[in-house]
Amino acid sequence: MSRDIILLTKQPELLKLWINIIVQYIRENYVDKSVTVDAIVGPETKGFVFAIAVALKLHLPYIPIRKSGKFPADPNDLVETKEIVLEKKV
């Protein structure tokens, strides 16, 4: 069953609670267990709204993941690193 969680954005207190629950889960299960968390990674879809907020609360960068073929077609618009391909800032 799929739920449209984007409706949470219309209720600020519920949105804040939801984000705090996610942050608490990450802290308790990863950060506080000596696991190195370098970034929050999430799909570049509706859920990115939550992932960005979680990343901000944890003081971590957010890395969006796109479906194949969603990157710019021109390879000159990309910068490649060892870990990830990023869009070049113009």
N, C-alpha and C. Protein backbone atom coordinates (compact mmCIF):
# COMPACT_ATOMS: atom_id res chain seq x y z
N MET A 1 0.84 -1.17 0.00
CA MET A 1 0.00 0.00 0.00
C MET A 1 0.89 1.24 0.00
N SER A 2 0.56 2.17 -0.82
CA SER A 2 1.33 3.41 -0.93
C SER A 2 0.55 4.55 -0.29
N ARG A 3 1.28 5.41 0.41
CA ARG A 3 0.66 6.58 1.05
C ARG A 3 1.33 7.85 0.51
N ASP A 4 0.54 8.88 0.34
CA ASP A 4 1.08 10.15 -0.13
C ASP A 4 1.53 10.95 1.09
N ILE A 5 2.82 10.82 1.43
CA ILE A 5 3.34 11.49 2.63
C ILE A 5 3.55 12.98 2.43
N ILE A 6 3.45 13.45 1.20
CA ILE A 6 3.65 14.88 0.93
C ILE A 6 2.55 15.70 1.63
N LEU A 7 1.43 15.06 1.98
CA LEU A 7 0.36 15.77 2.69
C LEU A 7 0.81 16.27 4.06
N LEU A 8 1.87 15.66 4.59
CA LEU A 8 2.41 16.12 5.88
C LEU A 8 2.90 17.56 5.80
N THR A 9 3.28 18.01 4.62
CA THR A 9 3.80 19.38 4.49
C THR A 9 2.73 20.43 4.74
N LYS A 10 1.47 20.03 4.70
CA LYS A 10 0.38 20.97 4.96
C LYS A 10 0.10 21.14 6.45
N GLN A 11 0.76 20.31 7.28
CA GLN A 11 0.55 20.36 8.72
C GLN A 11 1.90 20.53 9.40
N PRO A 12 2.34 21.76 9.63
CA PRO A 12 3.69 22.02 10.14
C PRO A 12 4.06 21.25 11.40
N GLU A 13 3.16 21.12 12.36
CA GLU A 13 3.49 20.40 13.59
C GLU A 13 3.69 18.91 13.33
N LEU A 14 2.87 18.35 12.47
CA LEU A 14 3.01 16.94 12.11
C LEU A 14 4.28 16.71 11.30
N LEU A 15 4.59 17.64 10.41
CA LEU A 15 5.82 17.56 9.62
C LEU A 15 7.04 17.61 10.54
N LYS A 16 7.04 18.53 11.48
CA LYS A 16 8.14 18.65 12.43
C LYS A 16 8.30 17.36 13.24
N LEU A 17 7.19 16.80 13.70
CA LEU A 17 7.22 15.55 14.46
C LEU A 17 7.80 14.41 13.61
N TRP A 18 7.36 14.29 12.37
CA TRP A 18 7.83 13.24 11.47
C TRP A 18 9.33 13.36 11.23
N ILE A 19 9.81 14.55 10.99
CA ILE A 19 11.24 14.77 10.76
C ILE A 19 12.04 14.44 12.03
N ASN A 20 11.53 14.86 13.18
CA ASN A 20 12.21 14.56 14.44
C ASN A 20 12.27 13.06 14.72
N ILE A 21 11.23 12.32 14.35
CA ILE A 21 11.23 10.86 14.52
C ILE A 21 12.30 10.24 13.65
N ILE A 22 12.42 10.69 12.42
CA ILE A 22 13.45 10.15 11.51
C ILE A 22 14.85 10.47 12.04
N VAL A 23 15.06 11.72 12.48
CA VAL A 23 16.36 12.13 13.01
C VAL A 23 16.70 11.31 14.25
N GLN A 24 15.75 11.13 15.15
CA GLN A 24 15.98 10.34 16.36
C GLN A 24 16.35 8.91 16.00
N TYR A 25 15.67 8.33 15.03
CA TYR A 25 15.97 6.96 14.60
C TYR A 25 17.40 6.85 14.07
N ILE A 26 17.80 7.80 13.25
CA ILE A 26 19.16 7.78 12.69
C ILE A 26 20.19 7.95 13.81
N ARG A 27 19.95 8.88 14.72
CA ARG A 27 20.89 9.09 15.82
C ARG A 27 21.02 7.83 16.70
N GLU A 28 19.89 7.25 17.06
CA GLU A 28 19.91 6.08 17.95
C GLU A 28 20.50 4.84 17.30
N ASN A 29 20.27 4.67 16.00
CA ASN A 29 20.68 3.43 15.33
C ASN A 29 21.99 3.54 14.56
N TYR A 30 22.46 4.75 14.34
CA TYR A 30 23.68 4.91 13.56
C TYR A 30 24.69 5.84 14.23
N VAL A 31 24.34 7.10 14.37
CA VAL A 31 25.26 8.10 14.88
C VAL A 31 25.75 7.75 16.29
N ASP A 32 24.85 7.39 17.18
CA ASP A 32 25.22 7.09 18.56
C ASP A 32 25.87 5.71 18.72
N LYS A 33 25.96 4.95 17.66
CA LYS A 33 26.57 3.62 17.71
C LYS A 33 27.94 3.63 17.04
N SER A 34 28.55 4.79 16.98
CA SER A 34 29.89 4.96 16.40
C SER A 34 29.94 4.58 14.91
N VAL A 35 28.84 4.70 14.23
CA VAL A 35 28.81 4.49 12.78
C VAL A 35 29.03 5.85 12.14
N THR A 36 29.94 5.92 11.20
CA THR A 36 30.19 7.19 10.53
C THR A 36 29.10 7.44 9.49
N VAL A 37 28.41 8.54 9.65
CA VAL A 37 27.38 8.95 8.70
C VAL A 37 27.91 10.21 8.03
N ASP A 38 28.22 10.10 6.73
CA ASP A 38 28.81 11.21 6.00
C ASP A 38 27.79 12.09 5.29
N ALA A 39 26.64 11.52 4.97
CA ALA A 39 25.64 12.28 4.22
C ALA A 39 24.30 11.56 4.30
N ILE A 40 23.25 12.28 3.98
CA ILE A 40 21.93 11.69 3.82
C ILE A 40 21.70 11.59 2.32
N VAL A 41 21.37 10.40 1.87
CA VAL A 41 21.16 10.14 0.45
C VAL A 41 19.70 9.77 0.25
N GLY A 42 19.07 10.35 -0.76
CA GLY A 42 17.66 10.03 -0.99
C GLY A 42 17.25 10.25 -2.41
N PRO A 43 16.12 9.69 -2.79
CA PRO A 43 15.63 9.86 -4.15
C PRO A 43 15.22 11.29 -4.41
N GLU A 44 15.43 11.72 -5.63
CA GLU A 44 15.03 13.08 -6.02
C GLU A 44 13.57 13.03 -6.46
N THR A 45 12.71 12.77 -5.51
CA THR A 45 11.27 12.71 -5.73
C THR A 45 10.61 13.43 -4.56
N LYS A 46 9.36 13.13 -4.30
CA LYS A 46 8.66 13.80 -3.20
C LYS A 46 9.38 13.69 -1.87
N GLY A 47 10.00 12.55 -1.60
CA GLY A 47 10.66 12.31 -0.33
C GLY A 47 11.85 13.20 -0.06
N PHE A 48 12.35 13.88 -1.10
CA PHE A 48 13.52 14.73 -0.89
C PHE A 48 13.23 15.84 0.10
N VAL A 49 11.98 16.24 0.21
CA VAL A 49 11.60 17.28 1.15
C VAL A 49 12.00 16.87 2.57
N PHE A 50 11.74 15.62 2.92
CA PHE A 50 12.06 15.11 4.24
C PHE A 50 13.55 14.87 4.39
N ALA A 51 14.17 14.32 3.37
CA ALA A 51 15.60 14.01 3.44
C ALA A 51 16.43 15.27 3.63
N ILE A 52 16.08 16.34 2.96
CA ILE A 52 16.82 17.60 3.11
C ILE A 52 16.67 18.13 4.54
N ALA A 53 15.47 18.08 5.09
CA ALA A 53 15.24 18.55 6.45
C ALA A 53 16.02 17.70 7.46
N VAL A 54 16.04 16.40 7.25
CA VAL A 54 16.79 15.49 8.13
C VAL A 54 18.28 15.81 8.03
N ALA A 55 18.78 15.98 6.82
CA ALA A 55 20.20 16.30 6.64
C ALA A 55 20.56 17.59 7.36
N LEU A 56 19.72 18.60 7.26
CA LEU A 56 19.98 19.87 7.94
C LEU A 56 20.03 19.70 9.45
N LYS A 57 19.08 18.95 10.00
CA LYS A 57 19.05 18.74 11.46
C LYS A 57 20.27 17.96 11.95
N LEU A 58 20.81 17.09 11.09
CA LEU A 58 21.97 16.29 11.47
C LEU A 58 23.29 16.95 11.05
N HIS A 59 23.19 18.14 10.46
CA HIS A 59 24.36 18.88 9.98
C HIS A 59 25.17 18.05 8.98
N LEU A 60 24.45 17.43 8.05
CA LEU A 60 25.07 16.60 7.02
C LEU A 60 24.64 17.06 5.65
N PRO A 61 25.45 16.80 4.63
CA PRO A 61 25.03 17.14 3.27
C PRO A 61 23.93 16.18 2.80
N TYR A 62 23.13 16.64 1.86
CA TYR A 62 22.11 15.81 1.22
C TYR A 62 22.56 15.50 -0.19
N ILE A 63 22.51 14.24 -0.58
CA ILE A 63 22.90 13.83 -1.93
C ILE A 63 21.68 13.23 -2.61
N PRO A 64 21.14 13.92 -3.62
CA PRO A 64 19.98 13.38 -4.33
C PRO A 64 20.39 12.29 -5.31
N ILE A 65 19.54 11.29 -5.45
CA ILE A 65 19.78 10.23 -6.42
C ILE A 65 18.68 10.33 -7.46
N ARG A 66 19.08 10.28 -8.72
CA ARG A 66 18.13 10.39 -9.82
C ARG A 66 18.01 9.07 -10.56
N LYS A 67 16.89 8.90 -11.25
CA LYS A 67 16.71 7.75 -12.11
C LYS A 67 17.70 7.85 -13.26
N SER A 68 18.06 6.71 -13.79
CA SER A 68 18.96 6.66 -14.94
C SER A 68 18.38 7.50 -16.07
N GLY A 69 19.23 8.26 -16.74
CA GLY A 69 18.78 9.08 -17.87
C GLY A 69 18.31 10.45 -17.46
N LYS A 70 18.27 10.75 -16.19
CA LYS A 70 17.81 12.06 -15.73
C LYS A 70 18.94 13.09 -15.65
N PHE A 71 20.19 12.62 -15.75
CA PHE A 71 21.31 13.56 -15.76
C PHE A 71 21.32 14.32 -17.08
N PRO A 72 21.93 15.47 -17.13
CA PRO A 72 22.04 16.19 -18.40
C PRO A 72 22.72 15.31 -19.45
N ALA A 73 22.25 15.40 -20.67
CA ALA A 73 22.76 14.54 -21.74
C ALA A 73 24.19 14.91 -22.14
N ASP A 74 24.56 16.19 -22.03
CA ASP A 74 25.88 16.64 -22.46
C ASP A 74 26.91 16.31 -21.38
N PRO A 75 27.90 15.43 -21.70
CA PRO A 75 28.90 15.07 -20.70
C PRO A 75 29.75 16.24 -20.23
N ASN A 76 29.77 17.34 -20.97
CA ASN A 76 30.51 18.52 -20.54
C ASN A 76 29.83 19.22 -19.36
N ASP A 77 28.60 18.84 -19.07
CA ASP A 77 27.87 19.42 -17.95
C ASP A 77 28.07 18.64 -16.66
N LEU A 78 28.93 17.62 -16.68
CA LEU A 78 29.15 16.78 -15.51
C LEU A 78 30.57 16.89 -14.99
N VAL A 79 30.70 16.74 -13.70
CA VAL A 79 32.00 16.68 -13.05
C VAL A 79 32.07 15.32 -12.38
N GLU A 80 33.14 14.56 -12.62
CA GLU A 80 33.24 13.22 -12.05
C GLU A 80 34.24 13.21 -10.90
N THR A 81 33.85 12.56 -9.81
CA THR A 81 34.74 12.36 -8.68
C THR A 81 34.85 10.86 -8.46
N LYS A 82 35.64 10.43 -7.49
CA LYS A 82 35.77 9.01 -7.21
C LYS A 82 34.45 8.40 -6.72
N GLU A 83 33.63 9.19 -6.04
CA GLU A 83 32.46 8.64 -5.38
C GLU A 83 31.14 8.86 -6.10
N ILE A 84 31.00 9.97 -6.79
CA ILE A 84 29.69 10.29 -7.36
C ILE A 84 29.86 11.25 -8.53
N VAL A 85 28.93 11.24 -9.43
CA VAL A 85 28.93 12.19 -10.55
C VAL A 85 28.01 13.33 -10.17
N LEU A 86 28.52 14.53 -10.23
CA LEU A 86 27.76 15.72 -9.84
C LEU A 86 27.55 16.62 -11.04
N GLU A 87 26.48 17.39 -11.00
CA GLU A 87 26.26 18.39 -12.05
C GLU A 87 27.23 19.54 -11.85
N LYS A 88 27.80 20.02 -12.96
CA LYS A 88 28.70 21.16 -12.89
C LYS A 88 27.88 22.41 -12.66
N LYS A 89 28.31 23.24 -11.74
CA LYS A 89 27.64 24.53 -11.50
C LYS A 89 28.01 25.48 -12.62
N VAL A 90 27.02 26.12 -13.19
CA VAL A 90 27.27 27.06 -14.29
C VAL A 90 27.16 28.47 -13.79
